[in-house]
């Protein structure tokens, strides 16, 4: 006899996801205000009213900082779980070497960013 409990659990999770998503959309439709007011049609950025033209150039340096943040956030996502299971003495030296290689690659990226001047902030004003 084939054991189908794994598929049953998967099906239940999928059904629960569809039901929760549908419920959220229905509640949004029921609770959201429908009156169109001029204040609701204006654009805003982080709660600040727009000032000036809608098009401005942004320094590319901000994009570099965003990439660096993503790199180190991903680094933390991998290192924290590894640190939690580090207490297990059955992991051995292999996992230590793997994490050392991972950290070395991230440090090479950090050194490269530092040499290109991406880690210095110059005030344009």
N, C-alpha and C. Protein backbone atom coordinates (compact mmCIF):
# COMPACT_ATOMS: atom_id res chain seq x y z
N UNK A 1 0.85 -1.18 0.00
CA UNK A 1 0.00 0.00 0.00
C UNK A 1 0.89 1.24 0.00
N UNK A 2 0.55 2.20 -0.81
CA UNK A 2 1.33 3.43 -0.93
C UNK A 2 0.89 4.41 0.16
N UNK A 3 1.88 5.01 0.82
CA UNK A 3 1.61 5.98 1.88
C UNK A 3 1.44 7.36 1.25
N UNK A 4 0.25 7.92 1.32
CA UNK A 4 -0.07 9.20 0.70
C UNK A 4 -0.24 10.32 1.72
N UNK A 5 0.21 10.13 2.95
CA UNK A 5 0.02 11.16 3.98
C UNK A 5 0.78 12.43 3.65
N UNK A 6 1.95 12.29 3.00
CA UNK A 6 2.70 13.49 2.61
C UNK A 6 1.93 14.34 1.62
N UNK A 7 1.27 13.68 0.66
CA UNK A 7 0.46 14.40 -0.31
C UNK A 7 -0.78 15.00 0.34
N UNK A 8 -1.33 14.32 1.34
CA UNK A 8 -2.48 14.85 2.06
C UNK A 8 -2.10 16.13 2.80
N UNK A 9 -0.94 16.13 3.44
CA UNK A 9 -0.47 17.33 4.15
C UNK A 9 -0.23 18.45 3.15
N UNK A 10 0.42 18.14 2.02
CA UNK A 10 0.67 19.15 1.00
C UNK A 10 -0.64 19.74 0.47
N UNK A 11 -1.61 18.89 0.23
CA UNK A 11 -2.91 19.35 -0.24
C UNK A 11 -3.60 20.24 0.77
N UNK A 12 -3.53 19.86 2.04
CA UNK A 12 -4.15 20.68 3.10
C UNK A 12 -3.47 22.04 3.21
N UNK A 13 -2.15 22.07 3.08
CA UNK A 13 -1.43 23.34 3.15
C UNK A 13 -1.81 24.22 1.96
N UNK A 14 -1.88 23.65 0.77
CA UNK A 14 -2.28 24.42 -0.41
C UNK A 14 -3.70 24.95 -0.28
N UNK A 15 -4.60 24.13 0.20
CA UNK A 15 -5.99 24.57 0.39
C UNK A 15 -6.06 25.67 1.44
N UNK A 16 -5.33 25.52 2.53
CA UNK A 16 -5.32 26.56 3.56
C UNK A 16 -4.76 27.87 3.01
N UNK A 17 -3.71 27.79 2.18
CA UNK A 17 -3.15 28.99 1.58
C UNK A 17 -4.14 29.69 0.68
N UNK A 18 -4.85 28.93 -0.15
CA UNK A 18 -5.84 29.52 -1.05
C UNK A 18 -6.99 30.13 -0.26
N UNK A 19 -7.43 29.46 0.79
CA UNK A 19 -8.53 29.97 1.62
C UNK A 19 -8.10 31.26 2.33
N UNK A 20 -6.90 31.29 2.89
CA UNK A 20 -6.44 32.49 3.59
C UNK A 20 -6.25 33.66 2.62
N UNK A 21 -5.70 33.39 1.46
CA UNK A 21 -5.52 34.44 0.46
C UNK A 21 -6.88 34.98 0.02
N UNK A 22 -7.81 34.10 -0.26
CA UNK A 22 -9.15 34.53 -0.68
C UNK A 22 -9.85 35.32 0.42
N UNK A 23 -9.71 34.88 1.65
CA UNK A 23 -10.32 35.59 2.78
C UNK A 23 -9.72 36.99 2.92
N UNK A 24 -8.43 37.11 2.73
CA UNK A 24 -7.80 38.43 2.82
C UNK A 24 -8.29 39.35 1.72
N UNK A 25 -8.44 38.83 0.52
CA UNK A 25 -8.93 39.66 -0.59
C UNK A 25 -10.38 40.08 -0.38
N UNK A 26 -11.20 39.18 0.13
CA UNK A 26 -12.60 39.51 0.40
C UNK A 26 -12.69 40.56 1.51
N UNK A 27 -11.90 40.41 2.57
CA UNK A 27 -11.93 41.38 3.66
C UNK A 27 -11.43 42.75 3.19
N UNK A 28 -10.43 42.76 2.33
CA UNK A 28 -9.95 44.02 1.79
C UNK A 28 -11.05 44.71 1.00
N UNK A 29 -11.76 43.94 0.21
CA UNK A 29 -12.83 44.49 -0.61
C UNK A 29 -13.97 45.03 0.28
N UNK A 30 -14.25 44.34 1.38
CA UNK A 30 -15.34 44.77 2.26
C UNK A 30 -14.96 45.96 3.13
N UNK A 31 -13.71 46.03 3.56
CA UNK A 31 -13.31 47.05 4.53
C UNK A 31 -12.65 48.28 3.92
N UNK A 32 -12.17 48.21 2.70
CA UNK A 32 -11.47 49.34 2.10
C UNK A 32 -12.44 50.46 1.77
N UNK A 33 -12.03 51.71 1.99
CA UNK A 33 -12.91 52.83 1.63
C UNK A 33 -13.05 52.92 0.12
N UNK A 34 -14.24 53.26 -0.33
CA UNK A 34 -14.51 53.31 -1.77
C UNK A 34 -14.64 54.74 -2.30
N UNK A 35 -14.75 55.72 -1.39
CA UNK A 35 -14.92 57.10 -1.83
C UNK A 35 -13.60 57.62 -2.39
N UNK A 36 -13.68 58.22 -3.58
CA UNK A 36 -12.49 58.79 -4.20
C UNK A 36 -12.40 60.25 -3.79
N UNK A 37 -11.32 60.59 -3.10
CA UNK A 37 -11.09 61.96 -2.66
C UNK A 37 -9.79 62.45 -3.29
N UNK A 38 -9.63 63.74 -3.47
CA UNK A 38 -8.40 64.24 -4.10
C UNK A 38 -7.13 63.84 -3.36
N UNK A 39 -7.18 63.77 -2.05
CA UNK A 39 -5.99 63.39 -1.29
C UNK A 39 -5.59 61.95 -1.57
N UNK A 40 -6.56 61.11 -1.91
CA UNK A 40 -6.25 59.72 -2.21
C UNK A 40 -5.64 59.52 -3.57
N UNK A 41 -5.75 60.51 -4.44
CA UNK A 41 -5.20 60.41 -5.79
C UNK A 41 -3.79 60.98 -5.91
N UNK A 42 -3.29 61.66 -4.87
CA UNK A 42 -1.93 62.21 -4.94
C UNK A 42 -0.91 61.14 -4.60
N UNK A 43 0.24 61.28 -5.22
CA UNK A 43 1.32 60.34 -4.93
C UNK A 43 2.10 60.81 -3.70
N UNK A 44 2.72 59.88 -3.03
CA UNK A 44 3.54 60.23 -1.87
C UNK A 44 4.66 59.20 -1.76
N UNK A 45 5.70 59.61 -1.10
CA UNK A 45 6.84 58.72 -0.88
C UNK A 45 7.11 58.70 0.61
N UNK A 46 6.88 57.57 1.23
CA UNK A 46 7.12 57.38 2.66
C UNK A 46 6.36 58.40 3.50
N UNK A 47 5.17 58.73 3.10
CA UNK A 47 4.35 59.63 3.88
C UNK A 47 4.67 61.09 3.68
N UNK A 48 5.58 61.43 2.77
CA UNK A 48 5.97 62.82 2.53
C UNK A 48 5.27 63.29 1.25
N UNK A 49 4.67 64.45 1.32
CA UNK A 49 4.00 65.00 0.14
C UNK A 49 5.04 65.30 -0.94
N UNK A 50 4.68 65.07 -2.21
CA UNK A 50 5.63 65.33 -3.29
C UNK A 50 5.90 66.82 -3.46
N UNK A 51 7.15 67.15 -3.76
CA UNK A 51 7.55 68.53 -3.98
C UNK A 51 8.37 68.56 -5.26
N UNK A 52 8.05 69.47 -6.15
CA UNK A 52 8.83 69.62 -7.37
C UNK A 52 8.38 68.65 -8.45
N UNK A 53 9.29 68.44 -9.42
CA UNK A 53 8.99 67.59 -10.56
C UNK A 53 8.96 66.12 -10.14
N UNK A 54 8.30 65.32 -10.97
CA UNK A 54 8.20 63.90 -10.66
C UNK A 54 9.44 63.11 -11.04
N UNK A 55 10.40 63.71 -11.73
CA UNK A 55 11.59 63.00 -12.17
C UNK A 55 12.84 63.64 -11.58
N UNK A 56 13.59 62.89 -10.85
CA UNK A 56 14.88 63.35 -10.34
C UNK A 56 15.89 62.23 -10.50
N UNK A 57 17.14 62.61 -10.68
CA UNK A 57 18.18 61.61 -10.78
C UNK A 57 18.67 61.24 -9.39
N UNK A 58 19.00 59.97 -9.24
CA UNK A 58 19.48 59.47 -7.96
C UNK A 58 20.92 59.01 -8.16
N UNK A 59 21.74 59.27 -7.18
CA UNK A 59 23.14 58.85 -7.25
C UNK A 59 23.22 57.32 -7.28
N UNK A 60 24.08 56.80 -8.13
CA UNK A 60 24.24 55.36 -8.28
C UNK A 60 24.78 54.73 -6.99
N UNK A 61 25.41 55.53 -6.16
CA UNK A 61 25.98 55.03 -4.91
C UNK A 61 24.91 54.38 -4.03
N UNK A 62 23.68 54.88 -4.08
CA UNK A 62 22.61 54.28 -3.29
C UNK A 62 22.36 52.84 -3.73
N UNK A 63 22.43 52.59 -5.02
CA UNK A 63 22.26 51.24 -5.53
C UNK A 63 23.38 50.33 -5.03
N UNK A 64 24.60 50.85 -4.96
CA UNK A 64 25.72 50.06 -4.45
C UNK A 64 25.50 49.69 -2.99
N UNK A 65 25.01 50.65 -2.20
CA UNK A 65 24.74 50.34 -0.80
C UNK A 65 23.62 49.32 -0.67
N UNK A 66 22.63 49.37 -1.54
CA UNK A 66 21.56 48.38 -1.51
C UNK A 66 22.10 47.00 -1.82
N UNK A 67 22.97 46.89 -2.82
CA UNK A 67 23.57 45.59 -3.14
C UNK A 67 24.42 45.07 -1.98
N UNK A 68 25.20 45.95 -1.36
CA UNK A 68 26.01 45.51 -0.22
C UNK A 68 25.13 45.03 0.92
N UNK A 69 24.03 45.73 1.16
CA UNK A 69 23.12 45.29 2.22
C UNK A 69 22.56 43.91 1.91
N UNK A 70 22.14 43.69 0.69
CA UNK A 70 21.58 42.39 0.32
C UNK A 70 22.63 41.30 0.50
N UNK A 71 23.86 41.57 0.10
CA UNK A 71 24.92 40.57 0.24
C UNK A 71 25.10 40.19 1.70
N UNK A 72 25.17 41.17 2.59
CA UNK A 72 25.43 40.85 3.99
C UNK A 72 24.18 40.34 4.70
N UNK A 73 23.00 40.67 4.21
CA UNK A 73 21.79 40.08 4.78
C UNK A 73 21.72 38.60 4.43
N UNK A 74 22.06 38.26 3.20
CA UNK A 74 22.09 36.86 2.80
C UNK A 74 23.17 36.13 3.58
N UNK A 75 24.29 36.79 3.80
CA UNK A 75 25.36 36.21 4.61
C UNK A 75 24.84 35.85 6.00
N UNK A 76 24.10 36.75 6.61
CA UNK A 76 23.56 36.48 7.94
C UNK A 76 22.54 35.36 7.92
N UNK A 77 21.76 35.28 6.85
CA UNK A 77 20.75 34.22 6.74
C UNK A 77 21.41 32.85 6.75
N UNK A 78 22.59 32.73 6.18
CA UNK A 78 23.29 31.44 6.16
C UNK A 78 24.11 31.20 7.42
N UNK A 79 24.66 32.25 8.01
CA UNK A 79 25.55 32.05 9.15
C UNK A 79 24.82 31.82 10.48
N UNK A 80 23.70 32.46 10.70
CA UNK A 80 23.01 32.29 11.97
C UNK A 80 22.50 30.87 12.19
N UNK A 81 21.85 30.24 11.21
CA UNK A 81 21.45 28.84 11.44
C UNK A 81 22.65 27.92 11.62
N UNK A 82 23.73 28.17 10.90
CA UNK A 82 24.93 27.36 11.07
C UNK A 82 25.47 27.51 12.49
N UNK A 83 25.46 28.73 13.01
CA UNK A 83 25.96 28.96 14.36
C UNK A 83 25.08 28.26 15.40
N UNK A 84 23.79 28.14 15.12
CA UNK A 84 22.90 27.48 16.07
C UNK A 84 23.16 25.97 16.15
N UNK A 85 23.52 25.36 15.04
CA UNK A 85 23.76 23.92 15.05
C UNK A 85 25.22 23.59 15.26
N UNK A 86 26.05 24.59 15.50
CA UNK A 86 27.48 24.38 15.68
C UNK A 86 27.78 23.53 16.91
N UNK A 87 26.88 23.52 17.87
CA UNK A 87 27.10 22.75 19.10
C UNK A 87 27.14 21.25 18.85
N UNK A 88 26.60 20.80 17.75
CA UNK A 88 26.58 19.37 17.44
C UNK A 88 28.00 18.92 17.07
N UNK A 89 28.57 18.05 17.85
CA UNK A 89 29.97 17.63 17.62
C UNK A 89 30.10 16.67 16.44
N UNK A 90 28.99 16.23 15.85
CA UNK A 90 29.05 15.32 14.71
C UNK A 90 29.25 16.07 13.39
N UNK A 91 29.21 17.39 13.42
CA UNK A 91 29.37 18.14 12.18
C UNK A 91 30.78 18.02 11.62
N UNK A 92 31.76 18.00 12.48
CA UNK A 92 33.12 17.79 12.03
C UNK A 92 33.78 19.00 11.41
N UNK A 93 34.96 18.74 10.90
CA UNK A 93 35.77 19.82 10.33
C UNK A 93 35.27 20.25 8.95
N UNK A 94 34.57 19.40 8.28
CA UNK A 94 34.12 19.72 6.93
C UNK A 94 33.21 20.93 6.92
N UNK A 95 32.27 20.99 7.84
CA UNK A 95 31.37 22.14 7.86
C UNK A 95 32.11 23.41 8.26
N UNK A 96 33.10 23.28 9.14
CA UNK A 96 33.90 24.44 9.51
C UNK A 96 34.65 24.99 8.30
N UNK A 97 35.20 24.10 7.50
CA UNK A 97 35.91 24.53 6.29
C UNK A 97 34.94 25.16 5.29
N UNK A 98 33.76 24.58 5.14
CA UNK A 98 32.77 25.14 4.22
C UNK A 98 32.37 26.55 4.62
N UNK A 99 32.14 26.77 5.90
CA UNK A 99 31.75 28.10 6.36
C UNK A 99 32.92 29.06 6.23
N UNK A 100 34.14 28.58 6.46
CA UNK A 100 35.31 29.44 6.30
C UNK A 100 35.45 29.89 4.84
N UNK A 101 35.19 29.00 3.90
CA UNK A 101 35.23 29.36 2.48
C UNK A 101 34.13 30.37 2.17
N UNK A 102 32.95 30.16 2.70
CA UNK A 102 31.83 31.08 2.49
C UNK A 102 32.16 32.47 3.01
N UNK A 103 32.69 32.55 4.23
CA UNK A 103 33.05 33.84 4.82
C UNK A 103 34.19 34.48 4.04
N UNK A 104 35.13 33.67 3.56
CA UNK A 104 36.24 34.22 2.77
C UNK A 104 35.74 34.85 1.48
N UNK A 105 34.77 34.20 0.83
CA UNK A 105 34.21 34.77 -0.40
C UNK A 105 33.51 36.09 -0.12
N UNK A 106 32.77 36.15 0.98
CA UNK A 106 32.10 37.40 1.35
C UNK A 106 33.13 38.48 1.69
N UNK A 107 34.21 38.11 2.36
CA UNK A 107 35.25 39.09 2.68
C UNK A 107 35.97 39.58 1.44
N UNK A 108 36.15 38.72 0.45
CA UNK A 108 36.75 39.16 -0.82
C UNK A 108 35.84 40.21 -1.46
N UNK A 109 34.54 39.98 -1.42
CA UNK A 109 33.60 40.98 -1.94
C UNK A 109 33.67 42.29 -1.17
N UNK A 110 33.82 42.21 0.14
CA UNK A 110 33.92 43.41 0.97
C UNK A 110 35.20 44.17 0.67
N UNK A 111 36.31 43.46 0.53
CA UNK A 111 37.58 44.12 0.19
C UNK A 111 37.49 44.77 -1.19
N UNK A 112 36.87 44.08 -2.13
CA UNK A 112 36.70 44.65 -3.47
C UNK A 112 35.85 45.93 -3.41
N UNK A 113 34.79 45.91 -2.65
CA UNK A 113 33.94 47.10 -2.51
C UNK A 113 34.72 48.23 -1.84
N UNK A 114 35.55 47.88 -0.87
CA UNK A 114 36.37 48.91 -0.21
C UNK A 114 37.40 49.52 -1.14
N UNK A 115 38.03 48.70 -1.97
CA UNK A 115 39.03 49.22 -2.92
C UNK A 115 38.40 50.10 -3.99
N UNK A 116 37.17 49.82 -4.35
CA UNK A 116 36.49 50.65 -5.36
C UNK A 116 35.91 51.91 -4.74
N UNK A 117 36.01 52.05 -3.43
CA UNK A 117 35.51 53.26 -2.78
C UNK A 117 34.03 53.24 -2.48
N UNK A 118 33.42 52.07 -2.51
CA UNK A 118 31.98 51.99 -2.27
C UNK A 118 31.62 52.11 -0.79
N UNK A 119 32.59 51.97 0.08
CA UNK A 119 32.29 52.00 1.51
C UNK A 119 32.54 53.37 2.13
N UNK A 120 32.92 54.35 1.31
CA UNK A 120 33.11 55.71 1.82
C UNK A 120 31.93 56.55 1.39
N UNK A 121 31.47 57.36 2.29
CA UNK A 121 30.32 58.21 2.01
C UNK A 121 30.82 59.63 1.84
N UNK A 122 30.57 60.20 0.66
CA UNK A 122 30.97 61.58 0.38
C UNK A 122 29.72 62.42 0.30
N UNK A 123 29.69 63.46 1.08
CA UNK A 123 28.53 64.34 1.10
C UNK A 123 28.62 65.28 -0.10
N UNK A 124 27.59 65.26 -0.94
CA UNK A 124 27.59 66.08 -2.16
C UNK A 124 27.25 67.53 -1.88
N UNK A 125 26.74 67.85 -0.71
CA UNK A 125 26.33 69.22 -0.41
C UNK A 125 27.50 70.08 -0.01
